[in-house]
Amino acid sequence: MQRLSTTRLLIAATIAVGLIAGRAAAAEPAKRFTGPWNMAELKKAPPATWGAKSDLIQEGYYQGEPLAGKPTRVFAYCGRPASGKGPFPAMVLVHGGGGTAFDQWARLWAKRGYVALAMDLGGCGPDRKRLPDGSPPQDDHGKFRDFGDDEVNQMWTYHAVADAIRGHSLLASLEEVDAERIGVTGISWGGYLTCILAGIDDRFKVAVPVYGCGFLHHNSAWLPMFAKMGPEQTKRWVSYFDPYRYLAGVRCPILFVNGTNDFAYPLDSYQKCYRLVPGRVDVRIQVRMPHGHTVGWAPKEIGLFVDSILTGGDPLPRLGPMKTAGGKAAAPFTSKTPVVKGQLHYTADTGPWQKRTWHSVDAPVNGGTVSAKLPGDRPLVCYLGVTDKRGAMVSTEHAELQ
């Protein structure tokens, strides 16, 4: 606790600047800030070479961003549907820390009827060994080392974002892909990247960041890294690489997926981020959702949400704002699929979000409203959720009651 308190004091000035800039960006939704990335160049399809196909999956390499003046390659798996007539919708799949290009992830989407590209954003090949011409490694040094304004294009985040956009451009160039129906989803650090990608690449039609968000300098697992960097370097890092700088540029529907106790991306920073998006935002917060790649791509809501945008599938339920008054919490909802369950989730704990104990109680569903009696504890953090007959769950924003 003392370490976190010291960290917050150290970066308080940076936080204030970030919040002011974030509000300004949200107030001007017509403008899109693309940071250091040359979108005109990145939207060009990169040269690529393809290997043998096996069980819906094909290995490939495509051209990445130059590193230290030398060309790089990005390894990827491309999944394609076994049958059906294209052009197909497509997905860009962005892995998180400790991850790589996951063939099973690309296969999952291929079985769903999508062409999917899962690339490695840590400079590795199919055996997780460093490529001699790979992009920067995905480690804390690669992400948070000291750098000057003239070194931005050597940093891991710069390359990861650029290489994911190049992956999008590659997908869009494939004959079997409908370039007007491409989405993106990412897990953990991939969710962090997805927030940036959706904000700067106006071609995406849908986005689903899982766990990852911005305001990492405000509250996240990396506060000690910012304390070590100091205020000046933190301010520079945030100005280029924190997703809050880009979320006001999101124009596509976006579903934010997270857990109440995520060790890396806590709910306070998470909420600050999705509130910056000027358009449609849906939220799925699961009590004590585990953190990882396979559990991160498992929620059925991800596929259903993407289908509803790209293939005309039935949408998830949509919850209106939760209101708390008269000792009750209530929220309106609309749903094409019958809603079969409502719940109120709450915690009376304070302190680190990761350590709070959450409780869930049934919340009656009457017509188009879900409501529940609030516990008398104060302070209290709470939110409502509804589940439809497919087992798909969505949430309201959380509220902090004093």
Protein backbone atom coordinates (compact mmCIF):
# COMPACT_ATOMS: atom_id res chain seq x y z
CA MET A 1 0.00 0.00 0.00
CA GLN A 2 2.78 2.44 0.90
CA ARG A 3 4.50 1.75 -2.40
CA LEU A 4 1.35 2.52 -4.35
CA SER A 5 0.73 5.70 -2.38
CA THR A 6 4.25 6.93 -3.09
CA THR A 7 3.79 6.15 -6.74
CA ARG A 8 0.56 8.09 -6.96
CA LEU A 9 2.20 11.12 -5.40
CA LEU A 10 5.09 10.89 -7.80
CA ILE A 11 2.90 10.94 -10.89
CA ALA A 12 0.06 13.15 -9.64
CA ALA A 13 0.96 15.97 -12.00
CA THR A 14 0.94 13.61 -14.96
CA ILE A 15 -2.46 12.27 -13.99
CA ALA A 16 -3.93 15.76 -13.86
CA VAL A 17 -2.60 16.61 -17.29
CA GLY A 18 -3.95 13.31 -18.64
CA LEU A 19 -7.44 13.81 -17.27
CA ILE A 20 -7.69 17.32 -18.69
CA ALA A 21 -6.47 16.17 -22.10
CA GLY A 22 -8.81 13.18 -22.01
CA ARG A 23 -11.84 15.38 -21.33
CA ALA A 24 -10.82 17.71 -24.14
CA ALA A 25 -10.49 14.79 -26.55
CA ALA A 26 -13.88 13.41 -25.55
CA ALA A 27 -15.46 16.83 -26.10
CA GLU A 28 -14.26 16.90 -29.73
CA PRO A 29 -15.33 13.55 -31.22
CA ALA A 30 -14.94 14.81 -34.79
CA LYS A 31 -11.15 14.81 -34.47
CA ARG A 32 -9.01 11.68 -34.55
CA PHE A 33 -5.54 11.76 -33.06
CA THR A 34 -3.26 9.12 -34.59
CA GLY A 35 -0.09 9.85 -32.64
CA PRO A 36 3.23 8.83 -34.21
CA TRP A 37 1.74 6.33 -36.65
CA ASN A 38 1.69 7.11 -40.38
CA MET A 39 -1.74 5.74 -41.20
CA ALA A 40 -1.48 6.41 -44.93
CA GLU A 41 1.52 4.08 -45.15
CA LEU A 42 0.20 1.50 -42.71
CA LYS A 43 -3.04 1.13 -44.68
CA LYS A 44 -1.06 -0.23 -47.63
CA ALA A 45 -1.01 -4.02 -47.86
CA PRO A 46 2.44 -5.30 -46.81
CA PRO A 47 4.37 -7.88 -48.84
CA ALA A 48 3.69 -11.35 -47.46
CA THR A 49 4.81 -14.94 -47.95
CA TRP A 50 2.61 -17.92 -47.13
CA GLY A 51 3.45 -21.47 -46.04
CA ALA A 52 1.54 -24.72 -46.11
CA LYS A 53 -2.09 -25.00 -44.98
CA SER A 54 -3.21 -27.38 -42.23
CA ASP A 55 -6.66 -27.73 -40.61
CA LEU A 56 -8.01 -24.27 -41.57
CA ILE A 57 -4.69 -22.62 -40.65
CA GLN A 58 -1.87 -21.27 -42.80
CA GLU A 59 1.45 -19.89 -41.59
CA GLY A 60 2.73 -16.68 -43.04
CA TYR A 61 5.12 -13.76 -42.70
CA TYR A 62 4.54 -10.16 -43.63
CA GLN A 63 6.63 -7.01 -43.66
CA GLY A 64 6.78 -5.07 -40.40
CA GLU A 65 8.11 -1.67 -39.42
CA PRO A 66 11.86 -1.00 -39.75
CA LEU A 67 13.84 -1.37 -36.52
CA ALA A 68 17.14 0.46 -36.12
CA GLY A 69 17.11 1.08 -39.87
CA LYS A 70 16.66 -2.60 -40.75
CA PRO A 71 13.58 -4.35 -42.17
CA THR A 72 11.52 -6.66 -39.97
CA ARG A 73 9.13 -9.55 -40.52
CA VAL A 74 5.99 -10.47 -38.57
CA PHE A 75 4.95 -14.09 -38.16
CA ALA A 76 1.22 -14.88 -38.23
CA TYR A 77 -1.36 -17.63 -38.47
CA CYS A 78 -4.25 -17.05 -40.85
CA GLY A 79 -7.43 -19.02 -40.27
CA ARG A 80 -9.98 -19.50 -43.05
CA PRO A 81 -13.46 -21.08 -43.01
CA ALA A 82 -13.61 -24.65 -44.29
CA SER A 83 -16.63 -23.95 -46.45
CA GLY A 84 -18.95 -21.23 -47.58
CA LYS A 85 -18.82 -18.59 -50.24
CA GLY A 86 -16.84 -15.45 -49.58
CA PRO A 87 -15.97 -12.77 -49.28
CA PHE A 88 -15.93 -13.48 -45.54
CA PRO A 89 -15.82 -11.13 -42.57
CA ALA A 90 -12.46 -11.04 -40.82
CA MET A 91 -10.85 -10.47 -37.43
CA VAL A 92 -7.47 -9.19 -36.28
CA LEU A 93 -6.43 -11.10 -33.13
CA VAL A 94 -3.99 -9.33 -30.80
CA HIS A 95 -2.31 -11.39 -28.09
CA GLY A 96 -1.23 -10.19 -24.67
CA GLY A 97 1.86 -10.44 -22.49
CA GLY A 98 3.55 -13.83 -22.65
CA GLY A 99 1.51 -14.59 -25.74
CA THR A 100 2.27 -15.22 -29.36
CA ALA A 101 0.45 -15.94 -32.60
CA PHE A 102 -2.13 -18.49 -31.39
CA ASP A 103 -3.27 -20.90 -34.10
CA GLN A 104 -6.15 -22.14 -31.89
CA TRP A 105 -7.49 -18.60 -31.62
CA ALA A 106 -7.44 -18.16 -35.40
CA ARG A 107 -9.08 -21.58 -35.76
CA LEU A 108 -11.85 -20.60 -33.34
CA TRP A 109 -12.81 -17.65 -35.54
CA ALA A 110 -12.40 -19.66 -38.75
CA LYS A 111 -14.93 -22.17 -37.44
CA ARG A 112 -17.23 -19.22 -36.77
CA GLY A 113 -17.05 -18.25 -40.47
CA TYR A 114 -14.32 -15.59 -40.34
CA VAL A 115 -10.90 -15.17 -41.89
CA ALA A 116 -8.70 -14.41 -38.86
CA LEU A 117 -5.12 -13.24 -38.51
CA ALA A 118 -3.26 -13.93 -35.27
CA MET A 119 0.19 -12.36 -35.40
CA ASP A 120 3.17 -12.45 -33.06
CA LEU A 121 3.96 -8.98 -31.74
CA GLY A 122 7.11 -9.89 -29.84
CA GLY A 123 9.44 -10.59 -32.76
CA CYS A 124 9.10 -14.38 -32.58
CA GLY A 125 8.32 -17.14 -35.04
CA PRO A 126 6.14 -20.26 -34.76
CA ASP A 127 8.45 -21.83 -32.16
CA ARG A 128 8.45 -18.69 -29.97
CA LYS A 129 12.14 -18.19 -30.77
CA ARG A 130 13.39 -14.74 -31.69
CA LEU A 131 13.44 -14.03 -35.41
CA PRO A 132 16.72 -12.53 -36.64
CA ASP A 133 14.62 -9.82 -38.27
CA GLY A 134 11.86 -9.58 -35.68
CA SER A 135 10.26 -6.56 -34.05
CA PRO A 136 11.19 -5.49 -30.48
CA PRO A 137 10.68 -8.11 -27.74
CA GLN A 138 7.60 -7.80 -25.60
CA ASP A 139 9.05 -7.28 -22.13
CA ASP A 140 8.97 -4.51 -19.55
CA HIS A 141 12.20 -3.03 -20.87
CA GLY A 142 10.81 -2.94 -24.39
CA LYS A 143 7.66 -1.23 -23.17
CA PHE A 144 8.91 1.15 -20.49
CA ARG A 145 12.57 1.95 -21.10
CA ASP A 146 13.67 5.57 -21.24
CA PHE A 147 13.37 7.03 -24.73
CA GLY A 148 13.51 10.39 -26.44
CA ASP A 149 11.04 11.85 -28.89
CA ASP A 150 13.34 10.76 -31.71
CA GLU A 151 13.19 7.12 -30.53
CA VAL A 152 9.44 6.64 -30.47
CA ASN A 153 9.52 4.41 -33.54
CA GLN A 154 11.90 2.01 -31.77
CA MET A 155 9.56 1.26 -28.88
CA TRP A 156 7.55 -1.95 -28.52
CA THR A 157 4.14 -0.26 -28.48
CA TYR A 158 4.92 1.66 -31.64
CA HIS A 159 5.86 -1.55 -33.47
CA ALA A 160 3.01 -3.60 -32.00
CA VAL A 161 0.38 -1.09 -33.11
CA ALA A 162 1.97 -0.61 -36.53
CA ASP A 163 2.33 -4.35 -37.13
CA ALA A 164 -1.28 -5.00 -36.10
CA ILE A 165 -2.47 -2.31 -38.53
CA ARG A 166 -0.32 -3.85 -41.24
CA GLY A 167 -2.00 -7.15 -40.39
CA HIS A 168 -5.36 -5.46 -40.90
CA SER A 169 -4.18 -4.15 -44.26
CA LEU A 170 -3.00 -7.62 -45.24
CA LEU A 171 -6.37 -9.15 -44.35
CA ALA A 172 -8.22 -6.45 -46.28
CA SER A 173 -6.16 -7.26 -49.38
CA LEU A 174 -7.08 -10.95 -49.45
CA GLU A 175 -9.53 -11.95 -52.17
CA GLU A 176 -11.63 -14.02 -49.76
CA VAL A 177 -12.06 -11.15 -47.26
CA ASP A 178 -14.73 -8.45 -47.27
CA ALA A 179 -12.60 -5.40 -46.45
CA GLU A 180 -15.69 -3.57 -45.18
CA ARG A 181 -16.33 -6.20 -42.48
CA ILE A 182 -13.18 -6.44 -40.38
CA GLY A 183 -12.99 -6.23 -36.60
CA VAL A 184 -10.34 -6.47 -33.91
CA THR A 185 -10.11 -8.08 -30.50
CA GLY A 186 -7.20 -8.34 -28.11
CA ILE A 187 -6.43 -9.77 -24.69
CA SER A 188 -4.58 -8.05 -21.80
CA TRP A 189 -1.76 -6.11 -23.46
CA GLY A 190 -3.62 -7.01 -26.64
CA GLY A 191 -6.70 -5.32 -25.17
CA TYR A 192 -4.54 -2.28 -24.44
CA LEU A 193 -3.42 -2.32 -28.07
CA THR A 194 -7.00 -2.83 -29.28
CA CYS A 195 -8.00 0.41 -27.54
CA ILE A 196 -5.33 2.25 -29.53
CA LEU A 197 -6.06 0.41 -32.78
CA ALA A 198 -9.78 1.14 -32.66
CA GLY A 199 -9.02 4.80 -32.03
CA ILE A 200 -6.60 5.38 -34.88
CA ASP A 201 -7.63 2.90 -37.62
CA ASP A 202 -10.97 4.12 -38.98
CA ARG A 203 -11.44 0.97 -41.08
CA PHE A 204 -12.36 -1.28 -38.15
CA LYS A 205 -16.09 -1.96 -37.92
CA VAL A 206 -16.11 -3.50 -34.43
CA ALA A 207 -13.69 -3.84 -31.51
CA VAL A 208 -13.52 -5.95 -28.34
CA PRO A 209 -10.71 -5.14 -25.89
CA VAL A 210 -10.48 -7.76 -23.14
CA TYR A 211 -8.97 -6.63 -19.80
CA GLY A 212 -6.63 -4.07 -21.36
CA CYS A 213 -7.23 -0.34 -21.08
CA GLY A 214 -5.46 2.97 -20.57
CA PHE A 215 -4.78 5.36 -17.72
CA LEU A 216 -2.03 2.94 -16.75
CA HIS A 217 -0.25 5.81 -15.00
CA HIS A 218 -3.33 6.36 -12.86
CA ASN A 219 -3.89 2.82 -11.62
CA SER A 220 -2.58 -0.45 -13.02
CA ALA A 221 -0.09 -3.22 -12.30
CA TRP A 222 2.63 -1.00 -13.74
CA LEU A 223 2.62 1.85 -11.22
CA PRO A 224 6.08 0.78 -9.99
CA MET A 225 7.39 1.11 -13.55
CA PHE A 226 6.12 4.69 -13.78
CA ALA A 227 7.60 5.48 -10.36
CA LYS A 228 10.96 4.25 -11.63
CA MET A 229 10.61 6.25 -14.85
CA GLY A 230 9.82 9.49 -13.00
CA PRO A 231 7.36 12.27 -13.92
CA GLU A 232 9.08 13.57 -17.07
CA GLN A 233 9.56 10.18 -18.73
CA THR A 234 6.10 9.07 -17.59
CA LYS A 235 4.58 12.14 -19.24
CA ARG A 236 6.41 11.34 -22.48
CA TRP A 237 5.32 7.68 -22.41
CA VAL A 238 1.71 8.61 -21.71
CA SER A 239 1.64 11.22 -24.47
CA TYR A 240 2.53 8.57 -27.06
CA PHE A 241 1.42 5.23 -25.72
CA ASP A 242 -1.45 5.43 -23.24
CA PRO A 243 -4.76 4.41 -24.89
CA TYR A 244 -6.68 7.26 -23.27
CA ARG A 245 -5.03 9.50 -25.86
CA TYR A 246 -6.77 7.63 -28.68
CA LEU A 247 -10.11 6.34 -27.39
CA ALA A 248 -11.97 9.51 -28.38
CA GLY A 249 -11.25 8.50 -31.98
CA VAL A 250 -13.23 5.25 -31.78
CA ARG A 251 -16.13 5.30 -34.24
CA CYS A 252 -17.08 1.61 -34.32
CA PRO A 253 -19.20 -0.29 -31.77
CA ILE A 254 -16.95 -1.48 -28.96
CA LEU A 255 -17.45 -4.05 -26.21
CA PHE A 256 -15.27 -3.76 -23.09
CA VAL A 257 -14.73 -7.08 -21.29
CA ASN A 258 -13.10 -7.31 -17.86
CA GLY A 259 -13.33 -8.76 -14.37
CA THR A 260 -14.02 -7.07 -11.06
CA ASN A 261 -10.67 -8.06 -9.60
CA ASP A 262 -8.33 -7.97 -12.56
CA PHE A 263 -4.75 -7.82 -11.29
CA ALA A 264 -3.52 -5.57 -14.08
CA TYR A 265 -6.36 -3.33 -15.28
CA PRO A 266 -8.59 -2.20 -12.38
CA LEU A 267 -12.13 -0.95 -12.77
CA ASP A 268 -11.38 2.71 -12.02
CA SER A 269 -8.96 3.06 -14.95
CA TYR A 270 -11.25 0.87 -17.04
CA GLN A 271 -14.24 3.14 -16.51
CA LYS A 272 -12.27 6.29 -17.29
CA CYS A 273 -11.37 4.69 -20.62
CA TYR A 274 -14.74 3.52 -21.89
CA ARG A 275 -16.24 6.86 -20.92
CA LEU A 276 -13.94 8.54 -23.45
CA VAL A 277 -15.52 6.71 -26.39
CA PRO A 278 -17.99 9.12 -28.02
CA GLY A 279 -20.22 6.48 -29.63
CA ARG A 280 -21.70 3.11 -28.79
CA VAL A 281 -20.13 1.32 -25.83
CA ASP A 282 -21.16 -2.02 -24.34
CA VAL A 283 -19.70 -3.42 -21.14
CA ARG A 284 -19.33 -6.94 -19.75
CA ILE A 285 -17.90 -7.07 -16.24
CA GLN A 286 -17.67 -10.55 -14.72
CA VAL A 287 -17.19 -11.04 -11.00
CA ARG A 288 -13.68 -12.42 -10.43
CA MET A 289 -13.09 -13.16 -14.12
CA PRO A 290 -9.77 -15.06 -14.45
CA HIS A 291 -6.99 -13.42 -16.44
CA GLY A 292 -5.43 -15.24 -19.38
CA HIS A 293 -5.55 -15.90 -23.09
CA THR A 294 -7.84 -18.94 -23.28
CA VAL A 295 -10.20 -17.56 -20.62
CA GLY A 296 -9.94 -14.16 -22.29
CA TRP A 297 -11.17 -15.31 -25.68
CA ALA A 298 -13.73 -17.76 -24.21
CA PRO A 299 -16.69 -15.46 -23.36
CA LYS A 300 -19.49 -16.14 -25.82
CA GLU A 301 -20.43 -12.46 -25.75
CA ILE A 302 -17.36 -11.62 -27.86
CA GLY A 303 -18.46 -13.69 -30.84
CA LEU A 304 -22.11 -12.72 -30.48
CA PHE A 305 -21.23 -9.02 -30.34
CA VAL A 306 -19.00 -9.25 -33.40
CA ASP A 307 -21.59 -11.31 -35.29
CA SER A 308 -24.26 -8.71 -34.55
CA ILE A 309 -22.14 -6.06 -36.30
CA LEU A 310 -20.48 -8.00 -39.10
CA THR A 311 -22.90 -10.80 -40.03
CA GLY A 312 -26.33 -9.60 -38.91
CA GLY A 313 -26.55 -11.83 -35.84
CA ASP A 314 -28.89 -11.07 -32.95
CA PRO A 315 -27.33 -8.38 -30.73
CA LEU A 316 -26.47 -8.63 -27.06
CA PRO A 317 -28.93 -7.08 -24.63
CA ARG A 318 -28.33 -3.36 -24.18
CA LEU A 319 -28.54 -1.80 -20.75
CA GLY A 320 -29.36 1.85 -20.20
CA PRO A 321 -27.75 3.91 -17.42
CA MET A 322 -28.16 2.55 -13.90
CA LYS A 323 -29.89 4.91 -11.49
CA THR A 324 -29.72 4.61 -7.72
CA ALA A 325 -32.50 6.21 -5.69
CA GLY A 326 -34.79 5.27 -2.83
CA GLY A 327 -32.51 2.44 -1.75
CA LYS A 328 -32.75 0.72 -5.15
CA ALA A 329 -30.65 0.33 -8.28
CA ALA A 330 -32.47 0.11 -11.59
CA ALA A 331 -31.60 0.14 -15.28
CA PRO A 332 -33.69 -0.12 -18.46
CA PHE A 333 -32.71 -2.61 -21.13
CA THR A 334 -33.63 -3.70 -24.62
CA SER A 335 -33.05 -7.19 -25.97
CA LYS A 336 -34.07 -9.08 -29.10
CA THR A 337 -33.34 -12.32 -27.24
CA PRO A 338 -35.38 -12.88 -24.06
CA VAL A 339 -33.60 -11.89 -20.86
CA VAL A 340 -33.82 -14.67 -18.28
CA LYS A 341 -31.79 -13.31 -15.37
CA GLY A 342 -30.80 -10.12 -13.65
CA GLN A 343 -28.20 -9.59 -10.93
CA LEU A 344 -26.84 -6.87 -8.70
CA HIS A 345 -23.11 -7.13 -8.02
CA TYR A 346 -21.63 -5.11 -5.19
CA THR A 347 -18.75 -4.67 -2.79
CA ALA A 348 -18.50 -2.65 0.40
CA ASP A 349 -14.73 -3.06 0.51
CA THR A 350 -12.28 -0.25 -0.07
CA GLY A 351 -8.60 -0.33 -0.92
CA PRO A 352 -7.06 -2.01 -3.98
CA TRP A 353 -9.66 -3.14 -6.50
CA GLN A 354 -7.85 -6.44 -6.91
CA LYS A 355 -8.48 -7.41 -3.27
CA ARG A 356 -12.13 -6.46 -2.89
CA THR A 357 -14.74 -9.12 -2.15
CA TRP A 358 -17.78 -8.97 -4.40
CA HIS A 359 -21.27 -10.28 -3.75
CA SER A 360 -24.06 -11.06 -6.23
CA VAL A 361 -27.81 -11.19 -5.62
CA ASP A 362 -30.72 -11.74 -7.95
CA ALA A 363 -32.25 -8.63 -9.46
CA PRO A 364 -35.85 -9.00 -10.68
CA VAL A 365 -36.54 -8.37 -14.36
CA ASN A 366 -39.86 -6.66 -15.03
CA GLY A 367 -40.67 -5.72 -18.59
CA GLY A 368 -37.71 -3.74 -19.82
CA THR A 369 -36.21 -2.94 -16.42
CA VAL A 370 -33.86 -4.76 -14.06
CA SER A 371 -33.77 -3.56 -10.45
CA ALA A 372 -32.67 -4.61 -6.98
CA LYS A 373 -32.63 -3.36 -3.43
CA LEU A 374 -29.28 -1.87 -2.45
CA PRO A 375 -27.41 -2.96 0.67
CA GLY A 376 -27.18 -0.28 3.34
CA ASP A 377 -23.37 -0.32 3.43
CA ARG A 378 -21.54 2.87 2.50
CA PRO A 379 -19.29 3.34 0.70
CA LEU A 380 -20.60 0.84 -1.83
CA VAL A 381 -19.61 -0.03 -5.38
CA CYS A 382 -22.29 -1.71 -7.46
CA TYR A 383 -23.49 -2.52 -10.96
CA LEU A 384 -26.33 -4.40 -12.59
CA GLY A 385 -26.16 -7.17 -15.16
CA VAL A 386 -28.63 -9.10 -17.29
CA THR A 387 -28.28 -12.48 -19.00
CA ASP A 388 -30.28 -13.63 -22.02
CA LYS A 389 -31.40 -17.16 -22.86
CA ARG A 390 -28.18 -17.76 -24.81
CA GLY A 391 -26.23 -17.23 -21.59
CA ALA A 392 -24.89 -13.89 -22.83
CA MET A 393 -24.36 -11.30 -20.09
CA VAL A 394 -23.88 -7.53 -20.21
CA SER A 395 -23.39 -4.98 -17.47
CA THR A 396 -24.01 -1.37 -16.56
CA GLU A 397 -21.17 0.87 -15.53
CA HIS A 398 -20.24 0.51 -11.88
CA ALA A 399 -21.27 3.28 -9.50
CA GLU A 400 -19.52 4.34 -6.30
CA LEU A 401 -22.01 5.34 -3.61
CA GLN A 402 -20.95 7.29 -0.54
